[in-house]
Amino acid sequence: MRVFLVDDALVIRQRLTKMLATLKGVQVIGEAEEADDAIQAIRRLRPDVVILDLQLLKGTGFDVLKAIKQDNPAPVVILLTNFPYPRFRQKCLEAGANFFFDKSTEFQKIPNVLLQLSQAPRCRRESFSLRTAP
């Protein structure tokens, strides 16, 4: 499973990379800290999963989410944010995010979600959401 990281904080990207390196079959194929760079790289590299923050240096995670969810096939998107407000959660899920996690309390859920996704056929991954995975 190919994963792309989008976060303005280098320390978060490094922490995710280290965590994901322990998962068999999961490979971080790129990362970005700005919305436009992320969109271009995601479209070029075509990852299976994008782990995305809402706060970016230039642009927002909403910008990235809306753009990449128009692609076919669209990657599974895991929103990982310090802004877990209900209105943001709803807006992200309506825009196509498959998961929405709070960085401070749900960071450790990511490996389990990726393992579940890696076991699902590609055609079913896009339908995964908070309602279909613990």
Foldseek 3Di string as FASTA:
>chain_A
DEEEEEALDPVVVVVVQVVQVPDPPYDHPYYYQEQVVVQVVCVVVVGQEYEAEQDGPYHGSLSNLLRQVVDVVGHAYAYEYCPQDPVVVVSSVVSQHQHYYYNVPCVVCVVVLVVVLVPDDSVCNSVHHPVNGD
